[in-house]
Amino acid sequence: MPDYEARGSGALATSPWVLWCFRGTMALSCFLMTIAAPWLRAPSTAHLASSIPPFDVTPDKTLLLLPLGQLQERDVDFIARAIEARTGVHVEILPPRALPAGVFDFPSSSYDANAVLDWLFLTRQPGEWRTLALTRDALSTYDTDHLYGLANLREGVAVVSLHGFLDGLRDADPMRRAAAQDQIGRIAFHELVHTLGVEHCPAKGCLMSGITDKSQIHPGTRTCERCIHAIQDTLSTPRTPWLEVIARGDGFYRRGLYGQALGAYRRASAAMAPTEADRPAGPSHAALSDAISSDALPSHAAPSDAPPSDASPSDAPPSDRRPDSDRRFDSDASGRRSVVDRAEVENRIGAALFSLDRVAEAERHVRRAIALDPALSAAHFNMALILAYAGEEAEALHTLDRSLDLEPDRLTRHELTARFHLAAIDDPGNALLALRRYRDAGGDDPDLLGALIALQSANFIVFEPSEVEIIEGHLRP
């Protein structure tokens, strides 16, 4: 036995290649296991795997989750919990409701997402914060098929479609089912954030970037720092009831419900106690005596979502095109309201009265808005409309120029110019010129682009000043 052990030890000692092969095999095995370990683990598809830390949310915010049609209770509950985990917002699940037949679009065999948002807005109760609807049916808009979701940035409503995820939600494999639920939870978060006023993010890979394919939504899709700060600012700020009343009035106005819009604006105005700073100096102005048709203010189509799922924030009534951040009601310790904010409310009241053919009252409110805030471009534009319909064209054009001088946004200037020349003084030449500039600046309002096509089809030829060459010469005798 001792001789055998000695021979064995001697054999190993005299054969080093065996030891090196053993060591190489072990090293290669460890390397392969290190590389393959992530692929051997179960994928992290639960929404908590890469969740956003809950935000600081004031207790006055509750999201209403509205199931539309036949949905699995577990899917609705999962989406509610996913939103709560990602935002910290309390979610209340409402009883299911059926989609109205009037919002179905037969040519596309799907539901018109914009019409669904209109219906959600009009059926909301005053005081509700945000409403997110869920449906298993397909959604589309006039320019996009098979939407995953659509939201209005200013009216607090959104809708999410589960249609493209139904196979995953019904899959027998729990991991695939969890992956589909996770994607829907992220889309629901995306649309909810849009209702907070956050637009699509240009940052690549951000959850708030435009979603055109569900392959963009995966556990690695996160919200960038800029969007996180924007969300936090909104969720941590207490609700301002009068701002919400104005936003509700704006929604009525955009839909041509001018009487309801007027009521909302007046409620906001009544809630703002007048102060000495609010009272403009100078004599009052006489009102117009001639009535103006109710289409004096150009109508706007329902907000569309391009691309692909969020309603545009620039769909404010023509009476007010300032962003929400400029319309906040700032108050000091004594509760005095901002003069600028009161001016914008007065201007909105004037716009609604103008659309109701109550021109004398409209002029008083618009002039009061200008007196309160002479730099309010929208009020000068409305005053230009009133003057034009009163037949004072020269004064109307002068007031329009004043409005355009005060408007900082180039695209809005082209839009206002086009609408004025189309609706107020019937000047197709200048309207066509403004419409061309509006289109070239990136404008996408379907009504204005349709008017551009109509004018071009009428064989109007308009030259830019830079396109005209003046040739001086002598006439032959």
Protein backbone atom coordinates (compact mmCIF):
# COMPACT_ATOMS: atom_id res chain seq x y z
CA MET A 1 0.00 0.00 0.00
CA PRO A 2 2.78 2.50 0.78
CA ASP A 3 4.47 1.63 -2.51
CA TYR A 4 1.19 2.30 -4.40
CA GLU A 5 0.62 5.67 -2.79
CA ALA A 6 4.18 6.64 -3.52
CA ARG A 7 3.79 5.66 -7.13
CA GLY A 8 0.57 7.61 -7.39
CA SER A 9 2.13 10.75 -5.99
CA GLY A 10 5.09 10.28 -8.22
CA ALA A 11 2.87 9.86 -11.29
CA LEU A 12 1.13 13.15 -10.58
CA ALA A 13 4.32 14.92 -9.89
CA THR A 14 5.82 13.70 -13.13
CA SER A 15 2.59 14.70 -15.14
CA PRO A 16 1.98 18.48 -14.62
CA TRP A 17 -0.20 18.74 -17.72
CA VAL A 18 -3.00 16.87 -15.88
CA LEU A 19 -3.04 19.55 -13.15
CA TRP A 20 -3.05 22.40 -15.69
CA CYS A 21 -5.96 20.84 -17.58
CA PHE A 22 -7.92 20.54 -14.35
CA ARG A 23 -7.24 24.15 -13.43
CA GLY A 24 -8.14 25.39 -16.92
CA THR A 25 -11.40 23.49 -16.89
CA MET A 26 -12.39 24.98 -13.55
CA ALA A 27 -11.50 28.53 -14.68
CA LEU A 28 -13.49 28.16 -17.90
CA SER A 29 -16.50 26.84 -15.98
CA CYS A 30 -16.43 29.80 -13.58
CA PHE A 31 -16.18 32.24 -16.48
CA LEU A 32 -19.12 30.68 -18.33
CA MET A 33 -21.26 30.68 -15.20
CA THR A 34 -20.49 34.36 -14.63
CA ILE A 35 -21.54 35.26 -18.18
CA ALA A 36 -24.64 33.06 -18.23
CA ALA A 37 -25.94 33.83 -14.74
CA PRO A 38 -28.12 36.82 -15.78
CA TRP A 39 -29.75 34.75 -18.50
CA LEU A 40 -30.43 31.84 -16.18
CA ARG A 41 -32.25 33.98 -13.64
CA ALA A 42 -35.99 34.60 -14.02
CA PRO A 43 -36.61 37.96 -15.75
CA SER A 44 -37.58 40.84 -13.47
CA THR A 45 -40.93 41.81 -14.98
CA ALA A 46 -42.89 42.87 -11.91
CA HIS A 47 -43.61 46.59 -11.84
CA LEU A 48 -41.76 46.91 -8.53
CA ALA A 49 -38.52 45.54 -10.00
CA SER A 50 -37.44 48.94 -11.31
CA SER A 51 -40.11 51.13 -9.81
CA ILE A 52 -39.87 54.87 -9.41
CA PRO A 53 -39.69 55.94 -5.76
CA PRO A 54 -43.11 57.22 -4.69
CA PHE A 55 -43.45 60.98 -4.92
CA ASP A 56 -44.53 63.35 -2.20
CA VAL A 57 -48.26 63.67 -2.91
CA THR A 58 -50.66 66.03 -1.19
CA PRO A 59 -53.67 64.22 0.32
CA ASP A 60 -56.16 66.14 -1.85
CA LYS A 61 -55.31 64.07 -4.94
CA THR A 62 -57.17 60.88 -5.83
CA LEU A 63 -57.06 59.16 -9.22
CA LEU A 64 -60.36 57.68 -10.38
CA LEU A 65 -59.78 54.47 -12.36
CA LEU A 66 -62.75 53.73 -14.63
CA PRO A 67 -63.06 50.27 -16.27
CA LEU A 68 -64.93 50.46 -19.58
CA GLY A 69 -66.63 47.27 -20.71
CA GLN A 70 -65.66 43.74 -19.70
CA LEU A 71 -62.26 43.70 -17.99
CA GLN A 72 -60.65 41.14 -15.72
CA GLU A 73 -60.76 42.35 -12.13
CA ARG A 74 -57.19 41.20 -11.52
CA ASP A 75 -55.92 43.34 -14.43
CA VAL A 76 -57.69 46.46 -13.19
CA ASP A 77 -56.47 45.86 -9.65
CA PHE A 78 -52.90 45.33 -10.84
CA ILE A 79 -52.91 48.61 -12.78
CA ALA A 80 -54.29 50.45 -9.75
CA ARG A 81 -51.56 49.04 -7.51
CA ALA A 82 -48.88 49.74 -10.12
CA ILE A 83 -49.89 53.42 -10.31
CA GLU A 84 -49.95 53.71 -6.53
CA ALA A 85 -46.49 52.11 -6.31
CA ARG A 86 -45.02 54.40 -8.95
CA THR A 87 -46.57 57.68 -7.89
CA GLY A 88 -47.87 57.45 -4.35
CA VAL A 89 -51.26 58.71 -5.59
CA HIS A 90 -54.29 57.04 -4.04
CA VAL A 91 -56.34 55.18 -6.66
CA GLU A 92 -60.09 54.62 -6.38
CA ILE A 93 -61.57 52.02 -8.74
CA LEU A 94 -64.99 53.06 -10.03
CA PRO A 95 -67.80 50.68 -11.04
CA PRO A 96 -67.47 49.52 -14.67
CA ARG A 97 -69.30 51.45 -17.38
CA ALA A 98 -70.02 50.74 -21.02
CA LEU A 99 -68.47 52.83 -23.77
CA PRO A 100 -71.12 54.93 -25.53
CA ALA A 101 -71.92 53.75 -29.03
CA GLY A 102 -71.43 57.24 -30.42
CA VAL A 103 -67.64 57.10 -29.97
CA PHE A 104 -67.14 54.05 -32.20
CA ASP A 105 -65.41 54.76 -35.51
CA PHE A 106 -66.70 52.31 -38.11
CA PRO A 107 -64.07 52.96 -40.85
CA SER A 108 -61.25 51.97 -38.49
CA SER A 109 -63.29 49.37 -36.55
CA SER A 110 -62.10 50.94 -33.32
CA TYR A 111 -63.12 53.57 -30.82
CA ASP A 112 -62.21 57.20 -31.50
CA ALA A 113 -59.85 58.06 -28.65
CA ASN A 114 -60.55 61.79 -28.90
CA ALA A 115 -64.29 61.14 -28.68
CA VAL A 116 -63.68 58.96 -25.61
CA LEU A 117 -61.79 61.83 -23.95
CA ASP A 118 -64.64 64.21 -24.80
CA TRP A 119 -67.11 61.82 -23.20
CA LEU A 120 -64.92 61.41 -20.11
CA PHE A 121 -64.61 65.17 -19.73
CA LEU A 122 -68.31 65.86 -20.12
CA THR A 123 -69.30 63.12 -17.64
CA ARG A 124 -66.82 64.14 -14.96
CA GLN A 125 -68.16 65.58 -11.74
CA PRO A 126 -66.90 68.98 -10.56
CA GLY A 127 -64.08 68.64 -8.08
CA GLU A 128 -62.69 65.36 -9.41
CA TRP A 129 -58.91 65.45 -9.78
CA ARG A 130 -57.94 62.99 -12.54
CA THR A 131 -59.81 60.21 -14.34
CA LEU A 132 -58.07 57.33 -16.14
CA ALA A 133 -60.25 54.95 -18.16
CA LEU A 134 -59.29 51.39 -19.13
CA THR A 135 -60.69 49.48 -22.08
CA ARG A 136 -59.91 46.22 -23.85
CA ASP A 137 -61.12 47.67 -27.15
CA ALA A 138 -58.87 49.17 -29.82
CA LEU A 139 -58.37 52.93 -29.90
CA SER A 140 -57.45 55.20 -32.81
CA THR A 141 -57.39 58.84 -33.87
CA TYR A 142 -57.76 60.48 -37.25
CA ASP A 143 -54.03 60.03 -37.92
CA THR A 144 -52.98 57.07 -35.74
CA ASP A 145 -54.26 53.50 -35.56
CA HIS A 146 -53.97 51.17 -32.58
CA LEU A 147 -53.12 53.62 -29.82
CA TYR A 148 -51.97 52.32 -26.48
CA GLY A 149 -53.37 55.39 -24.76
CA LEU A 150 -54.41 59.02 -25.08
CA ALA A 151 -54.45 61.85 -22.55
CA ASN A 152 -55.49 65.48 -22.44
CA LEU A 153 -52.78 67.59 -20.85
CA ARG A 154 -55.18 70.19 -19.47
CA GLU A 155 -58.52 68.53 -18.75
CA GLY A 156 -57.49 65.73 -16.39
CA VAL A 157 -58.72 62.77 -18.45
CA ALA A 158 -56.92 59.86 -20.12
CA VAL A 159 -57.71 56.43 -21.57
CA VAL A 160 -55.54 53.31 -21.90
CA SER A 161 -56.24 50.40 -24.23
CA LEU A 162 -55.37 46.83 -23.22
CA HIS A 163 -56.16 45.61 -26.74
CA GLY A 164 -52.55 44.99 -27.81
CA PHE A 165 -51.73 43.09 -24.61
CA LEU A 166 -54.65 40.68 -24.32
CA ASP A 167 -52.64 37.65 -25.49
CA GLY A 168 -50.00 38.29 -22.83
CA LEU A 169 -52.60 38.90 -20.13
CA ARG A 170 -54.27 35.54 -20.89
CA ASP A 171 -51.02 33.59 -21.33
CA ALA A 172 -50.63 30.48 -19.18
CA ASP A 173 -47.00 31.34 -18.52
CA PRO A 174 -46.98 33.54 -15.37
CA MET A 175 -43.82 35.34 -16.49
CA ARG A 176 -45.33 36.40 -19.82
CA ARG A 177 -48.51 37.44 -18.06
CA ALA A 178 -46.50 39.51 -15.57
CA ALA A 179 -44.56 41.12 -18.44
CA ALA A 180 -47.81 42.21 -20.15
CA GLN A 181 -49.15 43.59 -16.87
CA ASP A 182 -45.92 45.50 -16.33
CA GLN A 183 -46.14 47.10 -19.78
CA ILE A 184 -49.72 48.20 -19.21
CA GLY A 185 -48.80 49.60 -15.81
CA ARG A 186 -46.07 51.71 -17.39
CA ILE A 187 -48.41 52.96 -20.11
CA ALA A 188 -51.00 53.90 -17.48
CA PHE A 189 -48.31 55.83 -15.59
CA HIS A 190 -47.27 57.53 -18.87
CA GLU A 191 -50.81 58.73 -19.60
CA LEU A 192 -51.47 59.81 -16.00
CA VAL A 193 -48.32 61.97 -16.06
CA HIS A 194 -49.58 63.59 -19.27
CA THR A 195 -52.71 64.69 -17.41
CA LEU A 196 -50.37 66.53 -15.02
CA GLY A 197 -49.29 68.71 -17.95
CA VAL A 198 -46.02 66.90 -18.73
CA GLU A 199 -45.44 66.56 -22.46
CA HIS A 200 -43.46 63.94 -24.36
CA CYS A 201 -39.82 63.90 -23.30
CA PRO A 202 -37.04 64.15 -25.89
CA ALA A 203 -34.67 62.03 -23.76
CA LYS A 204 -34.05 58.64 -25.35
CA GLY A 205 -35.26 55.76 -23.20
CA CYS A 206 -37.37 57.93 -20.89
CA LEU A 207 -40.74 56.46 -20.02
CA MET A 208 -42.31 59.79 -20.98
CA SER A 209 -40.93 59.72 -24.53
CA GLY A 210 -43.33 59.03 -27.40
CA ILE A 211 -44.37 55.37 -27.42
CA THR A 212 -44.91 54.01 -30.91
CA ASP A 213 -44.26 50.31 -30.22
CA LYS A 214 -44.69 48.23 -27.09
CA SER A 215 -41.14 46.94 -27.49
CA GLN A 216 -40.10 50.37 -26.15
CA ILE A 217 -41.71 49.49 -22.82
CA HIS A 218 -39.64 47.10 -20.68
CA PRO A 219 -38.25 46.91 -17.14
CA GLY A 220 -35.31 49.07 -18.18
CA THR A 221 -37.54 51.94 -19.32
CA ARG A 222 -37.29 54.61 -16.65
CA THR A 223 -38.29 58.20 -16.11
CA CYS A 224 -35.53 60.76 -16.59
CA GLU A 225 -34.57 63.27 -13.91
CA ARG A 226 -36.19 66.20 -15.69
CA CYS A 227 -39.55 64.44 -15.87
CA ILE A 228 -39.26 63.25 -12.27
CA HIS A 229 -38.83 66.84 -11.10
CA ALA A 230 -41.81 67.98 -13.21
CA ILE A 231 -44.00 65.23 -11.76
CA GLN A 232 -42.88 65.98 -8.22
CA ASP A 233 -43.61 69.68 -8.59
CA THR A 234 -47.21 68.95 -9.57
CA LEU A 235 -47.95 66.16 -7.12
CA SER A 236 -46.49 68.01 -4.14
CA THR A 237 -48.39 71.24 -4.87
CA PRO A 238 -51.84 71.51 -3.24
CA ARG A 239 -54.73 71.76 -5.67
CA THR A 240 -55.90 75.23 -6.68
CA PRO A 241 -59.68 74.94 -7.11
CA TRP A 242 -60.05 78.09 -9.22
CA LEU A 243 -57.45 76.94 -11.70
CA GLU A 244 -59.38 73.71 -12.08
CA VAL A 245 -62.61 75.64 -12.59
CA ILE A 246 -60.94 77.67 -15.35
CA ALA A 247 -59.56 74.52 -16.98
CA ARG A 248 -63.06 73.06 -16.92
CA GLY A 249 -64.38 76.22 -18.56
CA ASP A 250 -61.67 75.98 -21.21
CA GLY A 251 -62.79 72.43 -21.97
CA PHE A 252 -66.39 73.56 -22.42
CA TYR A 253 -65.24 76.43 -24.63
CA ARG A 254 -63.22 74.18 -26.92
CA ARG A 255 -66.29 72.04 -27.44
CA GLY A 256 -68.51 75.00 -28.32
CA LEU A 257 -70.42 74.88 -25.03
CA TYR A 258 -70.06 78.60 -24.48
CA GLY A 259 -72.83 78.94 -21.90
CA GLN A 260 -71.24 76.33 -19.65
CA ALA A 261 -67.82 77.88 -20.20
CA LEU A 262 -69.19 81.29 -19.20
CA GLY A 263 -70.64 79.83 -16.01
CA ALA A 264 -67.29 78.28 -15.08
CA TYR A 265 -65.36 81.49 -15.75
CA ARG A 266 -67.80 83.53 -13.70
CA ARG A 267 -67.51 81.11 -10.78
CA ALA A 268 -63.74 81.54 -10.89
CA SER A 269 -64.11 85.32 -11.04
CA ALA A 270 -66.54 85.37 -8.12
CA ALA A 271 -64.08 83.38 -6.02
CA MET A 272 -61.44 86.08 -6.50
CA ALA A 273 -62.35 88.87 -4.11
CA PRO A 274 -61.77 92.27 -5.77
CA THR A 275 -58.94 94.39 -4.46
CA GLU A 276 -57.83 97.95 -5.05
CA ALA A 277 -55.09 96.60 -7.31
CA ASP A 278 -57.75 94.97 -9.46
CA ARG A 279 -59.60 98.21 -10.15
CA PRO A 280 -58.29 99.84 -13.33
CA ALA A 281 -57.99 103.57 -13.61
CA GLY A 282 -59.65 105.60 -16.35
CA PRO A 283 -63.15 105.97 -17.73
CA SER A 284 -65.24 103.05 -18.93
CA HIS A 285 -65.60 102.38 -22.63
CA ALA A 286 -68.87 102.36 -24.54
CA ALA A 287 -70.03 99.00 -25.76
CA LEU A 288 -70.76 98.09 -29.32
CA SER A 289 -74.39 98.28 -30.33
CA ASP A 290 -74.21 95.89 -33.28
CA ALA A 291 -74.61 92.19 -32.60
CA ILE A 292 -71.91 89.81 -33.80
CA SER A 293 -72.50 86.26 -34.96
CA SER A 294 -71.67 83.44 -32.56
CA ASP A 295 -68.87 82.18 -34.80
CA ALA A 296 -66.83 85.32 -34.24
CA LEU A 297 -64.24 83.36 -32.34
CA PRO A 298 -62.80 80.55 -34.48
CA SER A 299 -63.78 77.12 -33.32
CA HIS A 300 -61.20 74.48 -32.43
CA ALA A 301 -61.36 70.77 -33.09
CA ALA A 302 -61.07 68.35 -30.19
CA PRO A 303 -57.45 67.96 -29.10
CA SER A 304 -55.58 65.33 -31.04
CA ASP A 305 -52.61 63.35 -29.93
CA ALA A 306 -49.61 63.27 -32.15
CA PRO A 307 -47.41 61.48 -31.93
CA PRO A 308 -48.89 59.19 -30.80
CA SER A 309 -50.90 59.54 -27.66
CA ASP A 310 -51.14 62.92 -25.99
CA ALA A 311 -53.44 65.81 -26.60
CA SER A 312 -51.73 69.05 -27.46
CA PRO A 313 -51.32 71.65 -24.69
CA SER A 314 -51.74 74.51 -27.16
CA ASP A 315 -55.48 73.95 -27.65
CA ALA A 316 -56.51 76.78 -25.33
CA PRO A 317 -59.42 78.91 -26.46
CA PRO A 318 -58.38 81.79 -28.69
CA SER A 319 -59.10 84.06 -25.77
CA ASP A 320 -56.13 82.71 -23.82
CA ARG A 321 -53.03 81.01 -25.11
CA ARG A 322 -50.75 81.37 -22.13
CA PRO A 323 -49.29 78.22 -20.59
CA ASP A 324 -50.67 76.93 -17.31
CA SER A 325 -47.59 78.08 -15.42
CA ASP A 326 -48.43 81.68 -16.29
CA ARG A 327 -52.02 81.35 -15.10
CA ARG A 328 -51.42 80.31 -11.51
CA PHE A 329 -53.34 82.29 -8.90
CA ASP A 330 -50.63 83.75 -6.70
CA SER A 331 -51.80 85.23 -3.42
CA ASP A 332 -50.04 86.98 -0.57
CA ALA A 333 -50.78 86.67 3.14
CA SER A 334 -53.85 88.89 2.83
CA GLY A 335 -55.35 86.74 0.07
CA ARG A 336 -54.98 89.33 -2.72
CA ARG A 337 -55.16 87.76 -6.16
CA SER A 338 -52.78 88.54 -8.98
CA VAL A 339 -53.97 91.32 -11.27
CA VAL A 340 -52.65 89.42 -14.29
CA ASP A 341 -54.65 86.33 -13.37
CA ARG A 342 -57.81 88.40 -12.94
CA ALA A 343 -57.18 89.95 -16.34
CA GLU A 344 -57.09 86.52 -17.96
CA VAL A 345 -60.34 85.50 -16.27
CA GLU A 346 -61.98 88.71 -17.49
CA ASN A 347 -60.69 88.02 -20.98
CA ARG A 348 -62.12 84.50 -20.92
CA ILE A 349 -65.50 85.85 -19.83
CA GLY A 350 -65.37 88.30 -22.73
CA ALA A 351 -64.52 85.53 -25.19
CA ALA A 352 -67.43 83.37 -24.02
CA LEU A 353 -69.86 86.30 -24.20
CA PHE A 354 -68.58 87.15 -27.68
CA SER A 355 -69.26 83.60 -28.82
CA LEU A 356 -72.77 83.87 -27.36
CA ASP A 357 -73.40 86.97 -29.49
CA ARG A 358 -73.47 89.23 -26.43
CA VAL A 359 -70.98 91.68 -27.85
CA ALA A 360 -71.65 94.70 -25.64
CA GLU A 361 -70.94 92.70 -22.50
CA ALA A 362 -67.98 91.02 -24.19
CA GLU A 363 -66.34 94.33 -25.00
CA ARG A 364 -66.64 95.54 -21.43
CA HIS A 365 -64.87 92.47 -20.08
CA VAL A 366 -62.16 92.44 -22.76
CA ARG A 367 -61.41 96.13 -22.22
CA ARG A 368 -61.29 95.52 -18.48
CA ALA A 369 -58.77 92.72 -19.10
CA ILE A 370 -56.59 95.07 -21.15
CA ALA A 371 -56.80 97.72 -18.44
CA LEU A 372 -55.72 95.19 -15.81
CA ASP A 373 -52.90 93.77 -17.92
CA PRO A 374 -51.94 95.85 -20.99
CA ALA A 375 -49.41 93.14 -21.99
CA LEU A 376 -52.05 90.41 -22.38
CA SER A 377 -51.80 89.50 -26.06
CA ALA A 378 -54.97 87.40 -26.11
CA ALA A 379 -57.11 90.29 -24.88
CA HIS A 380 -55.84 92.56 -27.65
CA PHE A 381 -56.60 89.83 -30.19
CA ASN A 382 -60.17 89.49 -28.93
CA MET A 383 -60.52 93.26 -29.05
CA ALA A 384 -59.37 93.17 -32.68
CA LEU A 385 -62.12 90.66 -33.45
CA ILE A 386 -64.74 92.84 -31.79
CA LEU A 387 -63.60 95.90 -33.73
CA ALA A 388 -63.54 94.01 -37.01
CA TYR A 389 -67.09 92.76 -36.59
CA ALA A 390 -68.15 96.28 -35.68
CA GLY A 391 -66.84 97.43 -39.05
CA GLU A 392 -63.84 99.32 -37.70
CA GLU A 393 -61.33 97.48 -39.88
CA ALA A 394 -58.44 99.95 -39.64
CA GLU A 395 -58.60 100.04 -35.84
CA ALA A 396 -58.98 96.24 -35.78
CA LEU A 397 -55.79 95.77 -37.82
CA HIS A 398 -53.93 98.18 -35.55
CA THR A 399 -55.10 96.23 -32.48
CA LEU A 400 -54.12 92.94 -34.15
CA ASP A 401 -50.60 94.28 -34.67
CA ARG A 402 -50.48 95.18 -30.99
CA SER A 403 -51.53 91.64 -30.08
CA LEU A 404 -48.87 90.10 -32.33
CA ASP A 405 -46.18 92.38 -30.90
CA LEU A 406 -47.00 91.09 -27.42
CA GLU A 407 -47.13 87.41 -28.44
CA PRO A 408 -43.69 85.78 -27.94
CA ASP A 409 -44.42 82.54 -29.78
CA ARG A 410 -43.83 82.70 -33.54
CA LEU A 411 -46.16 79.82 -34.38
CA THR A 412 -48.99 81.39 -32.36
CA ARG A 413 -48.47 84.71 -34.16
CA HIS A 414 -48.95 83.02 -37.53
CA GLU A 415 -52.01 81.17 -36.24
CA LEU A 416 -53.66 84.32 -34.85
CA THR A 417 -52.96 86.21 -38.07
CA ALA A 418 -54.49 83.45 -40.18
CA ARG A 419 -57.58 83.12 -38.02
CA PHE A 420 -58.14 86.86 -38.00
CA HIS A 421 -57.93 87.23 -41.78
CA LEU A 422 -60.06 84.13 -42.33
CA ALA A 423 -62.87 84.84 -39.86
CA ALA A 424 -62.88 88.56 -39.14
CA ILE A 425 -62.25 90.51 -42.35
CA ASP A 426 -62.34 87.85 -45.09
CA ASP A 427 -58.90 88.58 -46.52
CA PRO A 428 -57.91 85.32 -48.30
CA GLY A 429 -54.62 86.69 -49.59
CA ASN A 430 -53.16 87.57 -46.20
CA ALA A 431 -54.80 84.47 -44.72
CA LEU A 432 -53.01 82.27 -47.26
CA LEU A 433 -49.70 83.97 -46.53
CA ALA A 434 -50.15 83.47 -42.78
CA LEU A 435 -51.25 79.86 -43.27
CA ARG A 436 -48.17 79.09 -45.32
CA ARG A 437 -45.97 80.53 -42.58
CA TYR A 438 -47.95 78.60 -39.96
CA ARG A 439 -47.42 75.32 -41.84
CA ASP A 440 -43.72 75.99 -42.44
CA ALA A 441 -43.25 76.75 -38.72
CA GLY A 442 -44.58 73.30 -37.82
CA GLY A 443 -48.26 74.07 -37.23
CA ASP A 444 -50.50 70.99 -37.35
CA ASP A 445 -54.03 72.23 -36.59
CA PRO A 446 -56.23 70.24 -39.02
CA ASP A 447 -58.70 73.12 -39.46
CA LEU A 448 -56.00 75.59 -40.46
CA LEU A 449 -54.22 73.13 -42.72
CA GLY A 450 -57.57 72.35 -44.35
CA ALA A 451 -58.14 76.07 -44.92
CA LEU A 452 -54.69 76.27 -46.51
CA ILE A 453 -55.52 73.48 -48.94
CA ALA A 454 -58.86 75.12 -49.78
CA LEU A 455 -57.23 78.47 -50.55
CA GLN A 456 -54.52 76.87 -52.63
CA SER A 457 -57.18 74.98 -54.56
CA ALA A 458 -58.88 78.31 -55.30
CA ASN A 459 -55.79 79.28 -57.33
CA PHE A 460 -54.67 82.08 -55.03
CA ILE A 461 -51.07 83.03 -55.69
CA VAL A 462 -49.27 84.88 -52.91
CA PHE A 463 -45.62 85.89 -52.89
CA GLU A 464 -43.42 86.47 -49.90
CA PRO A 465 -41.69 89.88 -49.97
CA SER A 466 -38.37 88.09 -50.48
CA GLU A 467 -39.76 86.39 -53.58
CA VAL A 468 -40.55 89.64 -55.34
CA GLU A 469 -37.85 91.27 -57.42
CA ILE A 470 -38.32 94.92 -58.35
CA ILE A 471 -36.80 95.79 -61.72
CA GLU A 472 -36.31 99.45 -62.46
CA GLY A 473 -35.91 100.64 -66.05
CA HIS A 474 -36.87 103.25 -68.59
CA LEU A 475 -39.88 103.07 -70.83
CA ARG A 476 -39.18 103.42 -74.52
CA PRO A 477 -40.78 106.42 -76.16
